[in-house]
Amino acid sequence: MKRYLLFILTLMMVSIGDSLCFKANIGVSPYEALAVTFNYISHIKVGTLTLFVNACMILFQIMISKQLKIKYILQLMMSLLFGMIVNTIVYQILGSISLQYYQSLIMEIIGLCISASGCGMLVALNVCVFPCEGFSLALSNTSHIDFQKVRQILDIILVITCICLSLIFQCGFALREGTIIAACIFSPIMGFVKDHAFKKIVILN
């Protein structure tokens, strides 16, 4: 029970961190960039579009496995909670706030640190993964290609897709300096937190 409660709190932590990155608006990860690009095109709330992208990833997993598993329902619930929190923070709590560039940069770094720490704890808890990772894992198991390679290929496809959509619809680019910052600090922070959080969780159990 404690593990699942901690899982929900950690998911909220990731949602808050990502919300700050969305609000900073100086670039996000390749996966989140797809939702942001759709937001630039359609003006639908980014949390709602993130839910849509996650739902597509869950559907792809079902198509690959040809089964409806409990973990897919958990991933959908994760996505719903994530989308609701993002919409609340980005549009209601922070919606009226205007940021100068240096403030956006600070918010981006803080958001990345919070999100990376939360992701590290989620991995350590081992309750459920985000739909993107779930899809990559399912594809890796089916194709017998290393998970990391599958994830990298997916990121490349997402980057190309976002760039093409931005050029076609002449909207803003979601891949900017924040994306580079994320590439530099996200994984190290997540790995550090995962290793230390795992020890605490073992004690908790």
N, C-alpha and C. Protein backbone atom coordinates (compact mmCIF):
# COMPACT_ATOMS: atom_id res chain seq x y z
N MET A 1 0.83 -1.21 0.00
CA MET A 1 0.00 0.00 0.00
C MET A 1 0.87 1.26 0.00
N LYS A 2 1.94 1.23 0.82
CA LYS A 2 2.85 2.38 0.89
C LYS A 2 3.50 2.62 -0.47
N ARG A 3 3.83 1.53 -1.15
CA ARG A 3 4.48 1.64 -2.45
C ARG A 3 3.57 2.37 -3.45
N TYR A 4 2.28 2.01 -3.46
CA TYR A 4 1.35 2.62 -4.42
C TYR A 4 1.05 4.07 -4.07
N LEU A 5 1.00 4.37 -2.78
CA LEU A 5 0.80 5.76 -2.35
C LEU A 5 2.00 6.61 -2.77
N LEU A 6 3.19 6.06 -2.57
CA LEU A 6 4.41 6.76 -2.98
C LEU A 6 4.46 6.91 -4.49
N PHE A 7 3.95 5.90 -5.19
CA PHE A 7 3.89 5.95 -6.66
C PHE A 7 3.04 7.13 -7.14
N ILE A 8 1.87 7.31 -6.54
CA ILE A 8 0.98 8.41 -6.91
C ILE A 8 1.62 9.76 -6.62
N LEU A 9 2.23 9.88 -5.45
CA LEU A 9 2.90 11.13 -5.08
C LEU A 9 4.06 11.44 -6.03
N THR A 10 4.78 10.41 -6.41
CA THR A 10 5.92 10.58 -7.32
C THR A 10 5.44 10.97 -8.72
N LEU A 11 4.34 10.38 -9.15
CA LEU A 11 3.75 10.73 -10.45
C LEU A 11 3.34 12.20 -10.47
N MET A 12 2.77 12.66 -9.36
CA MET A 12 2.41 14.08 -9.24
C MET A 12 3.65 14.96 -9.31
N MET A 13 4.74 14.47 -8.73
CA MET A 13 6.01 15.20 -8.76
C MET A 13 6.51 15.37 -10.20
N VAL A 14 6.44 14.29 -10.98
CA VAL A 14 6.85 14.35 -12.38
C VAL A 14 5.95 15.32 -13.16
N SER A 15 4.66 15.27 -12.87
CA SER A 15 3.70 16.15 -13.55
C SER A 15 4.00 17.62 -13.27
N ILE A 16 4.35 17.92 -12.03
CA ILE A 16 4.68 19.30 -11.66
C ILE A 16 5.95 19.75 -12.38
N GLY A 17 6.96 18.89 -12.39
CA GLY A 17 8.21 19.22 -13.06
C GLY A 17 8.01 19.46 -14.55
N ASP A 18 7.25 18.59 -15.20
CA ASP A 18 6.99 18.75 -16.63
C ASP A 18 6.16 19.99 -16.91
N SER A 19 5.24 20.31 -15.99
CA SER A 19 4.41 21.52 -16.15
C SER A 19 5.28 22.77 -16.17
N LEU A 20 6.28 22.81 -15.31
CA LEU A 20 7.20 23.95 -15.28
C LEU A 20 7.97 24.06 -16.60
N CYS A 21 8.35 22.91 -17.16
CA CYS A 21 9.06 22.91 -18.45
C CYS A 21 8.15 23.38 -19.58
N PHE A 22 6.89 22.94 -19.54
CA PHE A 22 5.92 23.40 -20.54
C PHE A 22 5.73 24.91 -20.45
N LYS A 23 5.60 25.41 -19.22
CA LYS A 23 5.38 26.84 -19.02
C LYS A 23 6.61 27.65 -19.43
N ALA A 24 7.80 27.13 -19.16
CA ALA A 24 9.03 27.83 -19.54
C ALA A 24 9.10 28.07 -21.04
N ASN A 25 8.61 27.09 -21.80
CA ASN A 25 8.46 27.23 -23.26
C ASN A 25 9.78 27.53 -23.98
N ILE A 26 10.84 26.86 -23.55
CA ILE A 26 12.12 27.01 -24.26
C ILE A 26 12.65 25.65 -24.72
N GLY A 27 11.74 24.69 -24.87
CA GLY A 27 12.14 23.38 -25.37
C GLY A 27 11.87 22.27 -24.38
N VAL A 28 11.42 21.13 -24.89
CA VAL A 28 11.13 19.97 -24.06
C VAL A 28 11.76 18.73 -24.70
N SER A 29 11.56 17.58 -24.06
CA SER A 29 12.11 16.33 -24.59
C SER A 29 11.41 15.96 -25.90
N PRO A 30 12.02 15.10 -26.72
CA PRO A 30 11.41 14.71 -28.00
C PRO A 30 10.00 14.16 -27.85
N TYR A 31 9.76 13.37 -26.80
CA TYR A 31 8.43 12.77 -26.61
C TYR A 31 7.40 13.85 -26.28
N GLU A 32 7.73 14.73 -25.34
CA GLU A 32 6.81 15.80 -24.96
C GLU A 32 6.67 16.83 -26.08
N ALA A 33 7.69 16.93 -26.93
CA ALA A 33 7.66 17.90 -28.03
C ALA A 33 6.53 17.63 -29.01
N LEU A 34 6.13 16.38 -29.14
CA LEU A 34 5.04 16.05 -30.05
C LEU A 34 3.74 16.69 -29.58
N ALA A 35 3.47 16.60 -28.28
CA ALA A 35 2.26 17.22 -27.71
C ALA A 35 2.33 18.74 -27.81
N VAL A 36 3.52 19.30 -27.56
CA VAL A 36 3.69 20.76 -27.64
C VAL A 36 3.50 21.24 -29.08
N THR A 37 4.02 20.49 -30.04
CA THR A 37 3.86 20.86 -31.46
C THR A 37 2.39 20.83 -31.86
N PHE A 38 1.68 19.79 -31.42
CA PHE A 38 0.23 19.72 -31.68
C PHE A 38 -0.49 20.90 -31.03
N ASN A 39 0.02 21.32 -29.86
CA ASN A 39 -0.56 22.48 -29.17
C ASN A 39 -0.38 23.75 -29.99
N TYR A 40 0.80 23.92 -30.57
CA TYR A 40 1.07 25.08 -31.42
C TYR A 40 0.12 25.11 -32.63
N ILE A 41 -0.18 23.92 -33.15
CA ILE A 41 -1.03 23.82 -34.34
C ILE A 41 -2.51 24.00 -34.02
N SER A 42 -2.98 23.30 -32.98
CA SER A 42 -4.42 23.23 -32.69
C SER A 42 -4.88 24.14 -31.55
N HIS A 43 -3.94 24.56 -30.68
CA HIS A 43 -4.24 25.36 -29.49
C HIS A 43 -5.07 24.59 -28.46
N ILE A 44 -5.11 23.27 -28.60
CA ILE A 44 -5.70 22.43 -27.55
C ILE A 44 -4.70 22.37 -26.40
N LYS A 45 -5.19 22.27 -25.18
CA LYS A 45 -4.32 22.28 -24.00
C LYS A 45 -3.28 21.16 -24.09
N VAL A 46 -2.07 21.50 -23.68
CA VAL A 46 -0.95 20.57 -23.84
C VAL A 46 -1.13 19.31 -22.99
N GLY A 47 -1.76 19.44 -21.82
CA GLY A 47 -2.02 18.26 -20.99
C GLY A 47 -2.96 17.29 -21.67
N THR A 48 -3.97 17.83 -22.35
CA THR A 48 -4.93 17.01 -23.10
C THR A 48 -4.24 16.30 -24.26
N LEU A 49 -3.37 17.01 -24.94
CA LEU A 49 -2.64 16.43 -26.07
C LEU A 49 -1.63 15.38 -25.60
N THR A 50 -1.04 15.60 -24.43
CA THR A 50 -0.13 14.60 -23.86
C THR A 50 -0.90 13.32 -23.57
N LEU A 51 -2.12 13.47 -23.04
CA LEU A 51 -2.99 12.31 -22.80
C LEU A 51 -3.28 11.58 -24.11
N PHE A 52 -3.53 12.33 -25.17
CA PHE A 52 -3.81 11.73 -26.48
C PHE A 52 -2.61 10.94 -26.99
N VAL A 53 -1.42 11.53 -26.89
CA VAL A 53 -0.19 10.85 -27.35
C VAL A 53 0.05 9.59 -26.52
N ASN A 54 -0.14 9.69 -25.21
CA ASN A 54 0.03 8.52 -24.33
C ASN A 54 -0.98 7.43 -24.66
N ALA A 55 -2.22 7.83 -24.95
CA ALA A 55 -3.26 6.85 -25.30
C ALA A 55 -2.89 6.11 -26.58
N CYS A 56 -2.29 6.81 -27.52
CA CYS A 56 -1.82 6.18 -28.76
C CYS A 56 -0.73 5.15 -28.47
N MET A 57 0.18 5.49 -27.57
CA MET A 57 1.25 4.57 -27.19
C MET A 57 0.68 3.32 -26.51
N ILE A 58 -0.35 3.50 -25.70
CA ILE A 58 -1.00 2.36 -25.04
C ILE A 58 -1.68 1.49 -26.08
N LEU A 59 -2.35 2.12 -27.04
CA LEU A 59 -3.01 1.38 -28.12
C LEU A 59 -2.00 0.57 -28.93
N PHE A 60 -0.84 1.16 -29.20
CA PHE A 60 0.21 0.45 -29.93
C PHE A 60 0.68 -0.78 -29.15
N GLN A 61 0.78 -0.64 -27.82
CA GLN A 61 1.18 -1.77 -26.98
C GLN A 61 0.17 -2.90 -27.07
N ILE A 62 -1.12 -2.54 -27.04
CA ILE A 62 -2.18 -3.55 -27.13
C ILE A 62 -2.12 -4.25 -28.48
N MET A 63 -1.85 -3.49 -29.53
CA MET A 63 -1.75 -4.07 -30.88
C MET A 63 -0.57 -5.03 -30.98
N ILE A 64 0.53 -4.68 -30.32
CA ILE A 64 1.73 -5.54 -30.36
C ILE A 64 1.51 -6.82 -29.56
N SER A 65 0.98 -6.67 -28.34
CA SER A 65 0.80 -7.83 -27.46
C SER A 65 -0.47 -8.61 -27.77
N LYS A 66 -1.44 -7.95 -28.45
CA LYS A 66 -2.74 -8.54 -28.78
C LYS A 66 -3.49 -8.98 -27.53
N GLN A 67 -3.23 -8.27 -26.43
CA GLN A 67 -3.89 -8.55 -25.15
C GLN A 67 -4.18 -7.24 -24.43
N LEU A 68 -5.25 -7.24 -23.63
CA LEU A 68 -5.56 -6.09 -22.79
C LEU A 68 -5.12 -6.43 -21.37
N LYS A 69 -4.01 -5.85 -20.94
CA LYS A 69 -3.43 -6.18 -19.64
C LYS A 69 -3.71 -5.09 -18.62
N ILE A 70 -3.61 -5.46 -17.35
CA ILE A 70 -3.85 -4.52 -16.25
C ILE A 70 -2.89 -3.33 -16.34
N LYS A 71 -1.66 -3.60 -16.76
CA LYS A 71 -0.67 -2.52 -16.80
C LYS A 71 -1.06 -1.43 -17.78
N TYR A 72 -1.81 -1.78 -18.82
CA TYR A 72 -2.26 -0.76 -19.78
C TYR A 72 -3.31 0.16 -19.14
N ILE A 73 -4.16 -0.42 -18.30
CA ILE A 73 -5.15 0.38 -17.58
C ILE A 73 -4.44 1.31 -16.60
N LEU A 74 -3.40 0.80 -15.93
CA LEU A 74 -2.61 1.62 -15.01
C LEU A 74 -1.93 2.77 -15.77
N GLN A 75 -1.40 2.46 -16.95
CA GLN A 75 -0.76 3.50 -17.76
C GLN A 75 -1.77 4.57 -18.18
N LEU A 76 -2.99 4.15 -18.49
CA LEU A 76 -4.03 5.12 -18.87
C LEU A 76 -4.40 6.01 -17.69
N MET A 77 -4.48 5.41 -16.50
CA MET A 77 -4.78 6.18 -15.29
C MET A 77 -3.66 7.16 -14.99
N MET A 78 -2.42 6.70 -15.18
CA MET A 78 -1.25 7.59 -15.03
C MET A 78 -1.36 8.78 -15.96
N SER A 79 -1.71 8.49 -17.21
CA SER A 79 -1.79 9.53 -18.23
C SER A 79 -2.90 10.53 -17.93
N LEU A 80 -4.03 10.04 -17.42
CA LEU A 80 -5.15 10.91 -17.06
C LEU A 80 -4.74 11.87 -15.95
N LEU A 81 -4.13 11.32 -14.90
CA LEU A 81 -3.69 12.15 -13.77
C LEU A 81 -2.64 13.15 -14.21
N PHE A 82 -1.70 12.69 -15.02
CA PHE A 82 -0.64 13.56 -15.54
C PHE A 82 -1.24 14.72 -16.33
N GLY A 83 -2.14 14.40 -17.26
CA GLY A 83 -2.75 15.43 -18.09
C GLY A 83 -3.55 16.45 -17.30
N MET A 84 -4.28 15.98 -16.29
CA MET A 84 -5.08 16.87 -15.46
C MET A 84 -4.20 17.84 -14.67
N ILE A 85 -3.12 17.31 -14.09
CA ILE A 85 -2.22 18.15 -13.30
C ILE A 85 -1.53 19.18 -14.19
N VAL A 86 -1.07 18.74 -15.36
CA VAL A 86 -0.40 19.66 -16.30
C VAL A 86 -1.33 20.79 -16.71
N ASN A 87 -2.55 20.47 -17.09
CA ASN A 87 -3.51 21.50 -17.51
C ASN A 87 -3.81 22.48 -16.37
N THR A 88 -3.94 21.95 -15.16
CA THR A 88 -4.23 22.80 -14.00
C THR A 88 -3.10 23.77 -13.72
N ILE A 89 -1.87 23.26 -13.73
CA ILE A 89 -0.71 24.11 -13.41
C ILE A 89 -0.41 25.10 -14.53
N VAL A 90 -0.35 24.61 -15.77
CA VAL A 90 0.06 25.45 -16.90
C VAL A 90 -0.97 26.53 -17.21
N TYR A 91 -2.25 26.18 -17.17
CA TYR A 91 -3.27 27.13 -17.63
C TYR A 91 -4.02 27.86 -16.52
N GLN A 92 -4.09 27.28 -15.33
CA GLN A 92 -4.84 27.92 -14.25
C GLN A 92 -3.92 28.58 -13.23
N ILE A 93 -2.94 27.84 -12.74
CA ILE A 93 -2.05 28.38 -11.71
C ILE A 93 -1.02 29.34 -12.30
N LEU A 94 -0.39 28.95 -13.41
CA LEU A 94 0.68 29.76 -14.01
C LEU A 94 0.25 30.47 -15.29
N GLY A 95 -1.01 30.32 -15.67
CA GLY A 95 -1.48 30.83 -16.95
C GLY A 95 -1.30 32.31 -17.17
N SER A 96 -1.49 33.12 -16.13
CA SER A 96 -1.44 34.58 -16.28
C SER A 96 -0.04 35.16 -16.05
N ILE A 97 0.91 34.29 -15.76
CA ILE A 97 2.27 34.75 -15.44
C ILE A 97 3.10 34.87 -16.72
N SER A 98 3.71 36.04 -16.91
CA SER A 98 4.62 36.26 -18.04
C SER A 98 6.06 36.14 -17.55
N LEU A 99 6.89 35.50 -18.35
CA LEU A 99 8.27 35.24 -17.95
C LEU A 99 9.26 35.91 -18.89
N GLN A 100 10.32 36.47 -18.31
CA GLN A 100 11.44 36.91 -19.11
C GLN A 100 12.31 35.68 -19.40
N TYR A 101 13.23 35.84 -20.36
CA TYR A 101 13.99 34.66 -20.80
C TYR A 101 14.76 34.00 -19.65
N TYR A 102 15.42 34.80 -18.82
CA TYR A 102 16.22 34.20 -17.74
C TYR A 102 15.33 33.48 -16.74
N GLN A 103 14.10 33.98 -16.56
CA GLN A 103 13.15 33.31 -15.66
C GLN A 103 12.69 31.98 -16.27
N SER A 104 12.47 31.98 -17.58
CA SER A 104 12.11 30.74 -18.27
C SER A 104 13.22 29.71 -18.16
N LEU A 105 14.46 30.18 -18.27
CA LEU A 105 15.62 29.29 -18.17
C LEU A 105 15.71 28.66 -16.78
N ILE A 106 15.51 29.48 -15.76
CA ILE A 106 15.54 28.98 -14.38
C ILE A 106 14.40 27.99 -14.15
N MET A 107 13.20 28.34 -14.64
CA MET A 107 12.04 27.46 -14.48
C MET A 107 12.26 26.13 -15.20
N GLU A 108 12.89 26.18 -16.36
CA GLU A 108 13.18 24.97 -17.13
C GLU A 108 14.10 24.04 -16.34
N ILE A 109 15.16 24.59 -15.78
CA ILE A 109 16.13 23.78 -15.02
C ILE A 109 15.50 23.19 -13.77
N ILE A 110 14.73 24.00 -13.05
CA ILE A 110 14.03 23.51 -11.85
C ILE A 110 13.05 22.40 -12.23
N GLY A 111 12.30 22.63 -13.30
CA GLY A 111 11.34 21.63 -13.76
C GLY A 111 12.00 20.32 -14.15
N LEU A 112 13.12 20.41 -14.85
CA LEU A 112 13.85 19.21 -15.25
C LEU A 112 14.38 18.44 -14.05
N CYS A 113 14.89 19.16 -13.06
CA CYS A 113 15.41 18.51 -11.84
C CYS A 113 14.29 17.77 -11.10
N ILE A 114 13.13 18.43 -10.99
CA ILE A 114 11.99 17.80 -10.31
C ILE A 114 11.50 16.58 -11.08
N SER A 115 11.35 16.75 -12.39
CA SER A 115 10.85 15.67 -13.24
C SER A 115 11.82 14.48 -13.27
N ALA A 116 13.11 14.76 -13.41
CA ALA A 116 14.12 13.69 -13.45
C ALA A 116 14.16 12.92 -12.13
N SER A 117 14.06 13.65 -11.02
CA SER A 117 14.05 13.01 -9.70
C SER A 117 12.83 12.11 -9.56
N GLY A 118 11.67 12.62 -10.02
CA GLY A 118 10.45 11.83 -9.96
C GLY A 118 10.52 10.59 -10.82
N CYS A 119 11.08 10.73 -12.02
CA CYS A 119 11.22 9.58 -12.92
C CYS A 119 12.15 8.52 -12.32
N GLY A 120 13.21 8.97 -11.67
CA GLY A 120 14.12 8.05 -11.00
C GLY A 120 13.43 7.25 -9.91
N MET A 121 12.57 7.93 -9.15
CA MET A 121 11.81 7.25 -8.10
C MET A 121 10.78 6.29 -8.68
N LEU A 122 10.15 6.69 -9.80
CA LEU A 122 9.17 5.81 -10.45
C LEU A 122 9.83 4.51 -10.91
N VAL A 123 11.02 4.63 -11.48
CA VAL A 123 11.75 3.45 -11.94
C VAL A 123 12.10 2.55 -10.74
N ALA A 124 12.53 3.18 -9.64
CA ALA A 124 12.90 2.42 -8.44
C ALA A 124 11.69 1.72 -7.83
N LEU A 125 10.53 2.37 -7.88
CA LEU A 125 9.31 1.78 -7.31
C LEU A 125 8.84 0.57 -8.11
N ASN A 126 9.07 0.61 -9.44
CA ASN A 126 8.75 -0.52 -10.31
C ASN A 126 7.27 -0.93 -10.23
N VAL A 127 6.39 0.05 -10.21
CA VAL A 127 4.95 -0.22 -10.20
C VAL A 127 4.40 -0.20 -11.62
N CYS A 128 4.70 0.86 -12.34
CA CYS A 128 4.22 1.01 -13.72
C CYS A 128 5.10 2.03 -14.43
N VAL A 129 5.31 1.84 -15.71
CA VAL A 129 6.13 2.77 -16.49
C VAL A 129 5.21 3.67 -17.33
N PHE A 130 5.75 4.78 -17.81
CA PHE A 130 5.00 5.65 -18.70
C PHE A 130 4.75 4.94 -20.04
N PRO A 131 3.66 5.29 -20.73
CA PRO A 131 3.32 4.62 -21.99
C PRO A 131 4.43 4.62 -23.03
N CYS A 132 5.22 5.69 -23.09
CA CYS A 132 6.31 5.75 -24.06
C CYS A 132 7.33 4.64 -23.81
N GLU A 133 7.73 4.50 -22.54
CA GLU A 133 8.68 3.45 -22.18
C GLU A 133 8.04 2.07 -22.35
N GLY A 134 6.74 1.97 -22.03
CA GLY A 134 6.02 0.70 -22.18
C GLY A 134 5.98 0.26 -23.63
N PHE A 135 5.72 1.21 -24.54
CA PHE A 135 5.70 0.91 -25.98
C PHE A 135 7.08 0.49 -26.46
N SER A 136 8.10 1.21 -26.04
CA SER A 136 9.48 0.89 -26.43
C SER A 136 9.87 -0.50 -25.94
N LEU A 137 9.47 -0.82 -24.71
CA LEU A 137 9.78 -2.12 -24.13
C LEU A 137 9.06 -3.24 -24.88
N ALA A 138 7.78 -3.01 -25.21
CA ALA A 138 7.00 -4.00 -25.95
C ALA A 138 7.61 -4.25 -27.33
N LEU A 139 8.02 -3.17 -27.99
CA LEU A 139 8.64 -3.28 -29.31
C LEU A 139 9.99 -3.98 -29.23
N SER A 140 10.72 -3.70 -28.15
CA SER A 140 12.02 -4.33 -27.94
C SER A 140 11.87 -5.83 -27.74
N ASN A 141 10.89 -6.22 -26.95
CA ASN A 141 10.66 -7.65 -26.68
C ASN A 141 10.21 -8.40 -27.93
N THR A 142 9.43 -7.72 -28.76
CA THR A 142 8.90 -8.35 -29.98
C THR A 142 9.96 -8.44 -31.07
N SER A 143 10.73 -7.38 -31.24
CA SER A 143 11.73 -7.32 -32.32
C SER A 143 13.09 -7.86 -31.90
N HIS A 144 13.26 -8.10 -30.58
CA HIS A 144 14.53 -8.56 -30.02
C HIS A 144 15.66 -7.57 -30.26
N ILE A 145 15.29 -6.29 -30.31
CA ILE A 145 16.27 -5.21 -30.41
C ILE A 145 16.42 -4.59 -29.03
N ASP A 146 17.63 -4.19 -28.68
CA ASP A 146 17.91 -3.61 -27.37
C ASP A 146 16.98 -2.43 -27.07
N PHE A 147 16.48 -2.39 -25.83
CA PHE A 147 15.52 -1.36 -25.43
C PHE A 147 16.05 0.05 -25.68
N GLN A 148 17.32 0.28 -25.32
CA GLN A 148 17.90 1.60 -25.47
C GLN A 148 17.93 2.03 -26.94
N LYS A 149 18.21 1.08 -27.83
CA LYS A 149 18.23 1.39 -29.26
C LYS A 149 16.83 1.73 -29.77
N VAL A 150 15.85 0.96 -29.31
CA VAL A 150 14.45 1.22 -29.69
C VAL A 150 14.03 2.61 -29.23
N ARG A 151 14.41 2.94 -27.99
CA ARG A 151 14.04 4.25 -27.43
C ARG A 151 14.71 5.38 -28.21
N GLN A 152 15.97 5.17 -28.60
CA GLN A 152 16.68 6.18 -29.37
C GLN A 152 16.07 6.37 -30.75
N ILE A 153 15.70 5.26 -31.38
CA ILE A 153 15.05 5.32 -32.70
C ILE A 153 13.72 6.06 -32.60
N LEU A 154 12.97 5.78 -31.54
CA LEU A 154 11.69 6.46 -31.33
C LEU A 154 11.90 7.96 -31.16
N ASP A 155 12.92 8.34 -30.40
CA ASP A 155 13.23 9.76 -30.21
C ASP A 155 13.57 10.44 -31.53
N ILE A 156 14.35 9.75 -32.37
CA ILE A 156 14.73 10.30 -33.67
C ILE A 156 13.49 10.50 -34.55
N ILE A 157 12.60 9.51 -34.55
CA ILE A 157 11.36 9.61 -35.32
C ILE A 157 10.51 10.78 -34.82
N LEU A 158 10.44 10.94 -33.50
CA LEU A 158 9.66 12.03 -32.91
C LEU A 158 10.25 13.39 -33.27
N VAL A 159 11.57 13.49 -33.23
CA VAL A 159 12.25 14.75 -33.58
C VAL A 159 11.95 15.12 -35.03
N ILE A 160 12.10 14.15 -35.94
CA ILE A 160 11.83 14.40 -37.36
C ILE A 160 10.37 14.79 -37.57
N THR A 161 9.46 14.10 -36.89
CA THR A 161 8.03 14.39 -37.00
C THR A 161 7.72 15.80 -36.54
N CYS A 162 8.28 16.19 -35.40
CA CYS A 162 8.04 17.54 -34.85
C CYS A 162 8.57 18.63 -35.78
N ILE A 163 9.77 18.41 -36.31
CA ILE A 163 10.36 19.40 -37.23
C ILE A 163 9.52 19.53 -38.49
N CYS A 164 9.09 18.40 -39.05
CA CYS A 164 8.27 18.42 -40.26
C CYS A 164 6.94 19.13 -40.02
N LEU A 165 6.29 18.83 -38.90
CA LEU A 165 5.01 19.46 -38.57
C LEU A 165 5.18 20.97 -38.39
N SER A 166 6.26 21.36 -37.72
CA SER A 166 6.52 22.79 -37.49
C SER A 166 6.75 23.53 -38.80
N LEU A 167 7.45 22.88 -39.73
CA LEU A 167 7.72 23.50 -41.03
C LEU A 167 6.46 23.56 -41.90
N ILE A 168 5.69 22.48 -41.88
CA ILE A 168 4.48 22.41 -42.70
C ILE A 168 3.43 23.42 -42.24
N PHE A 169 3.21 23.48 -40.92
CA PHE A 169 2.18 24.36 -40.38
C PHE A 169 2.72 25.73 -39.97
N GLN A 170 4.04 25.91 -40.14
CA GLN A 170 4.69 27.19 -39.82
C GLN A 170 4.36 27.66 -38.40
N CYS A 171 4.53 26.74 -37.47
CA CYS A 171 4.29 27.05 -36.06
C CYS A 171 5.62 27.03 -35.31
N GLY A 172 5.58 27.23 -34.01
CA GLY A 172 6.80 27.28 -33.21
C GLY A 172 7.49 25.92 -33.13
N PHE A 173 8.77 25.94 -32.80
CA PHE A 173 9.55 24.72 -32.63
C PHE A 173 9.59 24.34 -31.15
N ALA A 174 9.21 23.11 -30.84
CA ALA A 174 9.20 22.63 -29.46
C ALA A 174 10.57 22.13 -29.02
N LEU A 175 11.46 21.92 -29.99
CA LEU A 175 12.81 21.43 -29.70
C LEU A 175 13.77 22.62 -29.75
N ARG A 176 14.19 23.06 -28.57
CA ARG A 176 15.04 24.25 -28.48
C ARG A 176 16.16 24.01 -27.47
N GLU A 177 16.63 25.11 -26.87
CA GLU A 177 17.75 24.99 -25.92
C GLU A 177 17.39 24.16 -24.69
N GLY A 178 16.11 24.19 -24.32
CA GLY A 178 15.67 23.38 -23.18
C GLY A 178 15.85 21.89 -23.45
N THR A 179 15.71 21.51 -24.71
CA THR A 179 15.91 20.11 -25.11
C THR A 179 17.36 19.69 -24.89
N ILE A 180 18.29 20.60 -25.21
CA ILE A 180 19.72 20.32 -25.02
C ILE A 180 20.05 20.22 -23.54
N ILE A 181 19.48 21.13 -22.74
CA ILE A 181 19.70 21.09 -21.29
C ILE A 181 19.18 19.77 -20.72
N ALA A 182 18.00 19.36 -21.18
CA ALA A 182 17.41 18.10 -20.72
C ALA A 182 18.30 16.91 -21.06
N ALA A 183 18.87 16.94 -22.27
CA ALA A 183 19.75 15.85 -22.71
C ALA A 183 21.00 15.75 -21.83
N CYS A 184 21.43 16.89 -21.27
CA CYS A 184 22.65 16.92 -20.46
C CYS A 184 22.42 16.51 -19.00
N ILE A 185 21.29 16.93 -18.42
CA ILE A 185 21.12 16.74 -16.97
C ILE A 185 20.06 15.73 -16.57
N PHE A 186 19.13 15.39 -17.47
CA PHE A 186 17.99 14.56 -17.07
C PHE A 186 18.43 13.15 -16.65
N SER A 187 19.14 12.46 -17.53
CA SER A 187 19.53 11.07 -17.25
C SER A 187 20.44 10.94 -16.03
N PRO A 188 21.47 11.80 -15.87
CA PRO A 188 22.31 11.69 -14.66
C PRO A 188 21.53 11.87 -13.36
N ILE A 189 20.61 12.85 -13.34
CA ILE A 189 19.81 13.07 -12.13
C ILE A 189 18.89 11.88 -11.88
N MET A 190 18.24 11.40 -12.94
CA MET A 190 17.33 10.26 -12.80
C MET A 190 18.08 9.02 -12.30
N GLY A 191 19.25 8.76 -12.85
CA GLY A 191 20.04 7.61 -12.43
C GLY A 191 20.48 7.70 -10.98
N PHE A 192 20.92 8.89 -10.57
CA PHE A 192 21.36 9.10 -9.19
C PHE A 192 20.22 8.87 -8.21
N VAL A 193 19.06 9.45 -8.51
CA VAL A 193 17.90 9.31 -7.62
C VAL A 193 17.41 7.86 -7.60
N LYS A 194 17.40 7.21 -8.77
CA LYS A 194 16.95 5.82 -8.85
C LYS A 194 17.78 4.92 -7.94
N ASP A 195 19.10 5.06 -8.00
CA ASP A 195 19.98 4.22 -7.20
C ASP A 195 19.78 4.44 -5.70
N HIS A 196 19.63 5.69 -5.29
CA HIS A 196 19.47 5.99 -3.87
C HIS A 196 18.05 5.69 -3.40
N ALA A 197 17.06 5.92 -4.26
CA ALA A 197 15.67 5.66 -3.89
C ALA A 197 15.43 4.16 -3.75
N PHE A 198 16.10 3.35 -4.58
CA PHE A 198 15.92 1.90 -4.52
C PHE A 198 16.32 1.36 -3.15
N LYS A 199 17.41 1.88 -2.59
CA LYS A 199 17.86 1.43 -1.27
C LYS A 199 16.82 1.76 -0.21
N LYS A 200 16.21 2.94 -0.30
CA LYS A 200 15.19 3.35 0.66
C LYS A 200 13.94 2.49 0.53
N ILE A 201 13.59 2.14 -0.73
CA ILE A 201 12.39 1.35 -0.97
C ILE A 201 12.56 -0.07 -0.45
N VAL A 202 13.77 -0.62 -0.59
CA VAL A 202 14.05 -1.95 -0.06
C VAL A 202 13.85 -1.96 1.45
N ILE A 203 14.30 -0.89 2.11
CA ILE A 203 14.12 -0.77 3.56
C ILE A 203 12.63 -0.63 3.89
N LEU A 204 11.90 0.14 3.05
CA LEU A 204 10.47 0.37 3.25
C LEU A 204 9.68 -0.93 3.18
N ASN A 205 10.11 -1.82 2.26
CA ASN A 205 9.41 -3.09 2.11
C ASN A 205 9.74 -4.05 3.24
